[in-house]
C-alpha atoms as a PDB file:
ATOM      1  CA  MET A   1     -71.163 104.316 112.389  1.00  0.00           C
ATOM      2  CA  PRO A   2     -69.407 105.975 115.365  1.00  0.00           C
ATOM      3  CA  ALA A   3     -69.267 109.752 115.508  1.00  0.00           C
ATOM      4  CA  GLY A   4     -66.395 111.123 113.446  1.00  0.00           C
ATOM      5  CA  GLU A   5     -65.972 107.884 111.476  1.00  0.00           C
ATOM      6  CA  GLU A   6     -67.266 109.428 108.257  1.00  0.00           C
ATOM      7  CA  ASN A   7     -64.640 112.191 108.424  1.00  0.00           C
ATOM      8  CA  ARG A   8     -61.823 109.732 108.955  1.00  0.00           C
ATOM      9  CA  SER A   9     -62.610 107.765 105.800  1.00  0.00           C
ATOM     10  CA  ALA A  10     -63.374 110.770 103.576  1.00  0.00           C
ATOM     11  CA  VAL A  11     -60.916 111.448 100.758  1.00  0.00           C
ATOM     12  CA  VAL A  12     -59.043 114.639 101.592  1.00  0.00           C
ATOM     13  CA  ASP A  13     -56.151 114.393  99.128  1.00  0.00           C
ATOM     14  CA  ARG A  14     -55.300 112.461  95.990  1.00  0.00           C
ATOM     15  CA  VAL A  15     -51.731 111.540  95.131  1.00  0.00           C
ATOM     16  CA  ASN A  16     -50.319 109.817  92.056  1.00  0.00           C
ATOM     17  CA  VAL A  17     -47.114 107.911  92.729  1.00  0.00           C
ATOM     18  CA  ALA A  18     -44.664 105.874  90.679  1.00  0.00           C
ATOM     19  CA  LEU A  19     -43.740 102.697  92.542  1.00  0.00           C
ATOM     20  CA  ILE A  20     -40.425 100.899  92.243  1.00  0.00           C
ATOM     21  CA  ALA A  21     -40.524  97.222  91.254  1.00  0.00           C
ATOM     22  CA  GLU A  22     -40.068  95.998  94.846  1.00  0.00           C
ATOM     23  CA  ALA A  23     -42.984  98.106  96.037  1.00  0.00           C
ATOM     24  CA  VAL A  24     -45.223  96.797  93.233  1.00  0.00           C
ATOM     25  CA  GLU A  25     -44.337  93.236  94.233  1.00  0.00           C
ATOM     26  CA  ALA A  26     -44.957  93.935  97.918  1.00  0.00           C
ATOM     27  CA  LEU A  27     -48.299  95.561  97.106  1.00  0.00           C
ATOM     28  CA  ALA A  28     -49.365  92.544  95.031  1.00  0.00           C
ATOM     29  CA  LYS A  29     -48.370  90.137  97.831  1.00  0.00           C
ATOM     30  CA  LEU A  30     -50.298  92.184 100.377  1.00  0.00           C
ATOM     31  CA  GLN A  31     -53.370  92.319  98.143  1.00  0.00           C
ATOM     32  CA  GLU A  32     -53.278  88.548  97.728  1.00  0.00           C
ATOM     33  CA  ARG A  33     -52.779  87.931 101.450  1.00  0.00           C
ATOM     34  CA  THR A  34     -55.276  90.472 102.758  1.00  0.00           C
ATOM     35  CA  GLY A  35     -57.828  90.951  99.996  1.00  0.00           C
ATOM     36  CA  LEU A  36     -57.609  94.718 100.556  1.00  0.00           C
ATOM     37  CA  LYS A  37     -57.636  97.341  97.799  1.00  0.00           C
ATOM     38  CA  LYS A  38     -54.411  99.090  96.800  1.00  0.00           C
ATOM     39  CA  VAL A  39     -55.648 102.405  98.195  1.00  0.00           C
ATOM     40  CA  ASP A  40     -56.370 100.810 101.587  1.00  0.00           C
ATOM     41  CA  LEU A  41     -52.958  99.152 101.707  1.00  0.00           C
ATOM     42  CA  VAL A  42     -51.141 102.372 100.796  1.00  0.00           C
ATOM     43  CA  ASN A  43     -53.083 104.326 103.420  1.00  0.00           C
ATOM     44  CA  ARG A  44     -52.287 101.725 106.085  1.00  0.00           C
ATOM     45  CA  ALA A  45     -48.628 101.590 105.038  1.00  0.00           C
ATOM     46  CA  LEU A  46     -48.294 105.359 105.441  1.00  0.00           C
ATOM     47  CA  LEU A  47     -49.924 105.262 108.874  1.00  0.00           C
ATOM     48  CA  VAL A  48     -47.579 102.480 110.005  1.00  0.00           C
ATOM     49  CA  TYR A  49     -44.547 104.301 108.564  1.00  0.00           C
ATOM     50  CA  GLU A  50     -45.462 107.519 110.376  1.00  0.00           C
ATOM     51  CA  PHE A  51     -45.992 105.646 113.655  1.00  0.00           C
ATOM     52  CA  LEU A  52     -42.670 103.792 113.395  1.00  0.00           C
ATOM     53  CA  ASP A  53     -40.789 106.928 112.395  1.00  0.00           C
ATOM     54  CA  ALA A  54     -42.165 108.867 115.381  1.00  0.00           C
ATOM     55  CA  GLU A  55     -41.448 106.044 117.841  1.00  0.00           C
ATOM     56  CA  LEU A  56     -37.900 105.469 116.563  1.00  0.00           C
ATOM     57  CA  LYS A  57     -37.157 109.201 116.666  1.00  0.00           C
ATOM     58  CA  ALA A  58     -38.389 109.170 120.278  1.00  0.00           C
ATOM     59  CA  GLY A  59     -35.671 106.625 121.071  1.00  0.00           C
ATOM     60  CA  LYS A  60     -37.814 103.492 121.118  1.00  0.00           C
ATOM     61  CA  GLN A  61     -36.988 100.123 119.541  1.00  0.00           C
ATOM     62  CA  VAL A  62     -39.043  97.632 117.547  1.00  0.00           C
ATOM     63  CA  LEU A  63     -39.296  94.167 119.019  1.00  0.00           C
ATOM     64  CA  LEU A  64     -40.993  91.134 117.466  1.00  0.00           C
ATOM     65  CA  ARG A  65     -42.196  88.251 119.626  1.00  0.00           C
ATOM     66  CA  ASP A  66     -42.929  84.868 118.079  1.00  0.00           C
ATOM     67  CA  GLN A  67     -45.599  82.436 119.256  1.00  0.00           C
ATOM     68  CA  ASP A  68     -43.089  80.712 121.545  1.00  0.00           C
ATOM     69  CA  GLY A  69     -42.348  83.976 123.360  1.00  0.00           C
ATOM     70  CA  ARG A  70     -38.905  84.500 121.823  1.00  0.00           C
ATOM     71  CA  ASP A  71     -38.049  88.141 121.174  1.00  0.00           C
ATOM     72  CA  GLN A  72     -36.137  89.525 118.233  1.00  0.00           C
ATOM     73  CA  LEU A  73     -34.936  93.119 118.079  1.00  0.00           C
ATOM     74  CA  VAL A  74     -35.598  94.569 114.632  1.00  0.00           C
ATOM     75  CA  LYS A  75     -33.261  97.121 113.079  1.00  0.00           C
ATOM     76  CA  ILE A  76     -35.277  99.568 111.006  1.00  0.00           C
ATOM     77  CA  PHE A  77     -33.644 102.332 109.022  1.00  0.00           C
ATOM     78  CA  LEU A  78     -36.122 105.019 108.002  1.00  0.00           C
END
Protein backbone atom coordinates (compact mmCIF):
# COMPACT_ATOMS: atom_id res chain seq x y z
CA MET A 1 0.00 0.00 0.00
CA PRO A 2 1.48 3.39 -1.01
CA ALA A 3 2.32 5.88 1.71
CA GLY A 4 -0.73 7.87 2.77
CA GLU A 5 -3.17 5.38 1.22
CA GLU A 6 -4.43 4.20 4.60
CA ASN A 7 -5.35 7.76 5.60
CA ARG A 8 -7.25 8.37 2.40
CA SER A 9 -9.55 5.38 2.90
CA ALA A 10 -10.08 5.85 6.65
CA VAL A 11 -13.58 6.84 7.74
CA VAL A 12 -13.44 10.41 8.99
CA ASP A 13 -17.15 11.27 9.04
CA ARG A 14 -20.45 9.42 8.94
CA VAL A 15 -23.53 10.94 7.36
CA ASN A 16 -27.09 9.63 7.17
CA VAL A 17 -29.01 10.90 4.16
CA ALA A 18 -32.53 10.50 2.80
CA LEU A 19 -32.40 9.89 -0.95
CA ILE A 20 -35.10 10.91 -3.40
CA ALA A 21 -36.57 8.18 -5.61
CA GLU A 22 -34.44 9.14 -8.63
CA ALA A 23 -31.26 8.93 -6.57
CA VAL A 24 -32.23 5.50 -5.21
CA GLU A 25 -32.81 4.28 -8.77
CA ALA A 26 -29.52 5.74 -9.98
CA LEU A 27 -27.67 4.15 -7.06
CA ALA A 28 -29.21 0.75 -7.82
CA LYS A 29 -28.27 1.03 -11.51
CA LEU A 30 -24.71 1.98 -10.60
CA GLN A 31 -24.42 -0.90 -8.14
CA GLU A 32 -25.61 -3.34 -10.80
CA ARG A 33 -23.27 -1.92 -13.45
CA THR A 34 -20.17 -1.53 -11.29
CA GLY A 35 -20.53 -4.06 -8.48
CA LEU A 36 -19.44 -1.35 -6.02
CA LYS A 37 -20.91 -0.83 -2.55
CA LYS A 38 -23.30 2.06 -1.92
CA VAL A 39 -20.76 3.82 0.30
CA ASP A 40 -18.12 3.67 -2.45
CA LEU A 41 -20.53 5.01 -5.05
CA VAL A 42 -21.66 7.88 -2.82
CA ASN A 43 -18.05 8.80 -2.02
CA ARG A 44 -17.12 8.77 -5.71
CA ALA A 45 -20.23 10.77 -6.64
CA LEU A 46 -19.32 13.49 -4.14
CA LEU A 47 -15.75 13.66 -5.43
CA VAL A 48 -16.98 13.98 -9.03
CA TYR A 49 -19.57 16.61 -8.03
CA GLU A 50 -16.94 18.69 -6.22
CA PHE A 51 -14.56 18.45 -9.20
CA LEU A 52 -17.24 19.46 -11.71
CA ASP A 53 -18.49 22.29 -9.52
CA ALA A 54 -14.97 23.72 -9.14
CA GLU A 55 -14.20 23.43 -12.86
CA LEU A 56 -17.50 24.98 -13.95
CA LYS A 57 -17.08 27.84 -11.47
CA ALA A 58 -13.62 28.40 -12.96
CA GLY A 59 -15.28 28.98 -16.34
CA LYS A 60 -14.58 25.60 -17.92
CA GLN A 61 -17.01 23.46 -19.93
CA VAL A 62 -17.75 19.74 -19.96
CA LEU A 63 -17.24 17.99 -23.27
CA LEU A 64 -18.00 14.35 -24.08
CA ARG A 65 -16.25 12.59 -26.96
CA ASP A 66 -17.68 9.40 -28.41
CA GLN A 67 -15.65 6.53 -29.86
CA ASP A 68 -15.89 8.07 -33.34
CA GLY A 69 -14.29 11.31 -32.13
CA ARG A 70 -17.49 13.37 -32.21
CA ASP A 71 -17.72 15.95 -29.44
CA GLN A 72 -20.82 16.96 -27.54
CA LEU A 73 -20.91 19.95 -25.20
CA VAL A 74 -22.76 19.04 -22.01
CA LYS A 75 -24.83 21.61 -20.14
CA ILE A 76 -24.58 20.94 -16.41
CA PHE A 77 -26.49 22.98 -13.88
CA LEU A 78 -25.12 22.56 -10.37
